[in-house]
Amino acid sequence: MFKEFPDVVNIKEMCKMLGDIGIKTAYDLINTGAVRAFKIGREYRIPKIYVIDYLFSKEKIFVREQAKAL
């Protein structure tokens, strides 16, 4: 998954990984803790596994909501 991206991505790369979301949305995901990241100097670095974790956590929520609807 995401083989074309390096193991640690920047904000712009994370945006592309998440379907070309906006920069503001990406910062919101980091600032709310939805996507974990760390800061080096003035820039955020996001391990690719954290983006994948975020995607799978959203999938679990979706599945739970669908199960409740049944």
N, C-alpha and C. Protein backbone atom coordinates (compact mmCIF):
# COMPACT_ATOMS: atom_id res chain seq x y z
N MET A 1 0.84 -1.18 0.00
CA MET A 1 0.00 0.00 0.00
C MET A 1 0.88 1.25 0.00
N PHE A 2 0.63 2.16 -0.89
CA PHE A 2 1.37 3.42 -0.99
C PHE A 2 2.86 3.19 -1.24
N LYS A 3 3.19 2.24 -2.08
CA LYS A 3 4.60 1.92 -2.36
C LYS A 3 5.34 3.07 -3.01
N GLU A 4 4.62 3.94 -3.68
CA GLU A 4 5.27 5.07 -4.37
C GLU A 4 5.67 6.20 -3.43
N PHE A 5 5.25 6.10 -2.17
CA PHE A 5 5.57 7.13 -1.18
C PHE A 5 6.70 6.66 -0.27
N PRO A 6 7.52 7.60 0.23
CA PRO A 6 8.58 7.21 1.18
C PRO A 6 7.96 6.78 2.51
N ASP A 7 8.77 6.19 3.37
CA ASP A 7 8.29 5.70 4.67
C ASP A 7 7.82 6.82 5.59
N VAL A 8 8.40 8.01 5.43
CA VAL A 8 8.00 9.19 6.20
C VAL A 8 7.66 10.28 5.20
N VAL A 9 6.43 10.78 5.27
CA VAL A 9 5.95 11.75 4.29
C VAL A 9 5.78 13.13 4.91
N ASN A 10 5.67 14.13 4.05
CA ASN A 10 5.37 15.48 4.51
C ASN A 10 3.87 15.74 4.32
N ILE A 11 3.45 16.93 4.64
CA ILE A 11 2.01 17.27 4.56
C ILE A 11 1.47 17.10 3.14
N LYS A 12 2.19 17.60 2.15
CA LYS A 12 1.70 17.52 0.76
C LYS A 12 1.56 16.07 0.31
N GLU A 13 2.51 15.24 0.68
CA GLU A 13 2.43 13.83 0.31
C GLU A 13 1.27 13.15 1.02
N MET A 14 1.04 13.51 2.29
CA MET A 14 -0.09 12.95 3.02
C MET A 14 -1.40 13.34 2.33
N CYS A 15 -1.48 14.57 1.86
CA CYS A 15 -2.69 15.02 1.15
C CYS A 15 -2.96 14.13 -0.06
N LYS A 16 -1.91 13.83 -0.82
CA LYS A 16 -2.07 12.96 -1.99
C LYS A 16 -2.48 11.56 -1.58
N MET A 17 -1.91 11.05 -0.51
CA MET A 17 -2.26 9.71 -0.04
C MET A 17 -3.73 9.61 0.35
N LEU A 18 -4.28 10.71 0.85
CA LEU A 18 -5.68 10.72 1.31
C LEU A 18 -6.63 11.25 0.25
N GLY A 19 -6.25 11.12 -1.01
CA GLY A 19 -7.16 11.49 -2.10
C GLY A 19 -7.18 12.96 -2.42
N ASP A 20 -6.03 13.59 -2.33
CA ASP A 20 -5.89 15.03 -2.64
C ASP A 20 -6.77 15.91 -1.75
N ILE A 21 -6.72 15.63 -0.46
CA ILE A 21 -7.42 16.52 0.47
C ILE A 21 -6.65 17.84 0.54
N GLY A 22 -7.27 18.85 1.08
CA GLY A 22 -6.63 20.16 1.19
C GLY A 22 -5.62 20.21 2.32
N ILE A 23 -4.72 21.17 2.23
CA ILE A 23 -3.67 21.36 3.24
C ILE A 23 -4.31 21.65 4.60
N LYS A 24 -5.34 22.50 4.62
CA LYS A 24 -5.99 22.84 5.88
C LYS A 24 -6.60 21.60 6.53
N THR A 25 -7.22 20.77 5.74
CA THR A 25 -7.80 19.54 6.26
C THR A 25 -6.70 18.63 6.83
N ALA A 26 -5.58 18.55 6.16
CA ALA A 26 -4.46 17.74 6.62
C ALA A 26 -3.96 18.25 7.97
N TYR A 27 -3.79 19.56 8.10
CA TYR A 27 -3.37 20.13 9.38
C TYR A 27 -4.41 19.87 10.47
N ASP A 28 -5.69 19.94 10.11
CA ASP A 28 -6.75 19.65 11.08
C ASP A 28 -6.66 18.20 11.57
N LEU A 29 -6.39 17.27 10.66
CA LEU A 29 -6.26 15.86 11.05
C LEU A 29 -5.10 15.67 12.02
N ILE A 30 -4.01 16.38 11.79
CA ILE A 30 -2.85 16.28 12.68
C ILE A 30 -3.13 16.97 14.01
N ASN A 31 -3.68 18.17 13.95
CA ASN A 31 -3.92 18.95 15.18
C ASN A 31 -4.96 18.31 16.09
N THR A 32 -5.90 17.57 15.53
CA THR A 32 -6.90 16.89 16.36
C THR A 32 -6.43 15.52 16.84
N GLY A 33 -5.30 15.07 16.32
CA GLY A 33 -4.76 13.78 16.72
C GLY A 33 -5.30 12.61 15.91
N ALA A 34 -6.11 12.90 14.90
CA ALA A 34 -6.64 11.82 14.06
C ALA A 34 -5.52 11.11 13.31
N VAL A 35 -4.54 11.89 12.87
CA VAL A 35 -3.33 11.34 12.24
C VAL A 35 -2.16 11.79 13.12
N ARG A 36 -1.42 10.82 13.61
CA ARG A 36 -0.26 11.16 14.43
C ARG A 36 0.87 11.65 13.54
N ALA A 37 1.66 12.56 14.07
CA ALA A 37 2.78 13.13 13.32
C ALA A 37 3.79 13.69 14.31
N PHE A 38 4.95 14.00 13.83
CA PHE A 38 5.93 14.69 14.65
C PHE A 38 6.52 15.83 13.86
N LYS A 39 7.06 16.78 14.58
CA LYS A 39 7.56 18.01 13.96
C LYS A 39 9.07 18.01 14.02
N ILE A 40 9.69 18.30 12.88
CA ILE A 40 11.13 18.50 12.81
C ILE A 40 11.32 19.94 12.34
N GLY A 41 11.86 20.74 13.23
CA GLY A 41 11.95 22.17 12.90
C GLY A 41 10.56 22.74 12.80
N ARG A 42 10.26 23.31 11.65
CA ARG A 42 8.93 23.90 11.45
C ARG A 42 8.00 23.02 10.63
N GLU A 43 8.46 21.85 10.24
CA GLU A 43 7.67 21.00 9.34
C GLU A 43 7.24 19.71 10.01
N TYR A 44 6.04 19.26 9.66
CA TYR A 44 5.54 17.99 10.15
C TYR A 44 6.08 16.86 9.28
N ARG A 45 6.35 15.74 9.93
CA ARG A 45 6.71 14.50 9.25
C ARG A 45 5.74 13.44 9.76
N ILE A 46 5.21 12.67 8.82
CA ILE A 46 4.20 11.69 9.16
C ILE A 46 4.67 10.33 8.66
N PRO A 47 4.96 9.40 9.58
CA PRO A 47 5.27 8.05 9.12
C PRO A 47 4.09 7.48 8.33
N LYS A 48 4.40 6.85 7.23
CA LYS A 48 3.36 6.32 6.34
C LYS A 48 2.40 5.39 7.09
N ILE A 49 2.92 4.65 8.04
CA ILE A 49 2.08 3.72 8.80
C ILE A 49 0.99 4.47 9.57
N TYR A 50 1.26 5.72 9.99
CA TYR A 50 0.24 6.50 10.70
C TYR A 50 -0.92 6.87 9.77
N VAL A 51 -0.62 7.13 8.52
CA VAL A 51 -1.68 7.43 7.54
C VAL A 51 -2.50 6.17 7.30
N ILE A 52 -1.83 5.04 7.18
CA ILE A 52 -2.53 3.77 6.98
C ILE A 52 -3.39 3.45 8.20
N ASP A 53 -2.87 3.67 9.40
CA ASP A 53 -3.65 3.47 10.63
C ASP A 53 -4.92 4.31 10.61
N TYR A 54 -4.79 5.56 10.19
CA TYR A 54 -5.94 6.46 10.11
C TYR A 54 -6.99 5.91 9.15
N LEU A 55 -6.55 5.44 7.99
CA LEU A 55 -7.49 4.91 7.01
C LEU A 55 -8.22 3.69 7.54
N PHE A 56 -7.51 2.79 8.19
CA PHE A 56 -8.16 1.60 8.73
C PHE A 56 -9.06 1.92 9.91
N SER A 57 -8.73 2.93 10.69
CA SER A 57 -9.61 3.30 11.79
C SER A 57 -10.92 3.86 11.26
N LYS A 58 -10.87 4.58 10.16
CA LYS A 58 -12.10 5.10 9.54
C LYS A 58 -12.93 3.95 8.98
N GLU A 59 -12.27 2.94 8.44
CA GLU A 59 -12.98 1.78 7.90
C GLU A 59 -13.71 1.04 9.02
N LYS A 60 -13.09 0.89 10.18
CA LYS A 60 -13.72 0.22 11.31
C LYS A 60 -14.96 0.96 11.77
N ILE A 61 -14.88 2.28 11.82
CA ILE A 61 -16.02 3.09 12.24
C ILE A 61 -17.17 2.91 11.26
N PHE A 62 -16.85 2.91 9.96
CA PHE A 62 -17.86 2.74 8.93
C PHE A 62 -18.55 1.38 9.06
N VAL A 63 -17.77 0.33 9.28
CA VAL A 63 -18.33 -1.01 9.42
C VAL A 63 -19.24 -1.09 10.65
N ARG A 64 -18.81 -0.49 11.78
CA ARG A 64 -19.65 -0.48 12.98
C ARG A 64 -20.97 0.24 12.74
N GLU A 65 -20.91 1.37 12.04
CA GLU A 65 -22.13 2.13 11.77
C GLU A 65 -23.06 1.35 10.87
N GLN A 66 -22.51 0.63 9.89
CA GLN A 66 -23.33 -0.18 9.01
C GLN A 66 -23.96 -1.33 9.77
N ALA A 67 -23.22 -1.92 10.70
CA ALA A 67 -23.76 -3.03 11.50
C ALA A 67 -24.90 -2.56 12.38
N LYS A 68 -24.79 -1.36 12.94
CA LYS A 68 -25.86 -0.82 13.79
C LYS A 68 -27.13 -0.60 12.98
N ALA A 69 -26.98 -0.24 11.71
CA ALA A 69 -28.13 0.04 10.86
C ALA A 69 -28.92 -1.23 10.54
N LEU A 70 -28.27 -2.38 10.67
CA LEU A 70 -28.96 -3.65 10.39
C LEU A 70 -29.83 -3.99 11.53
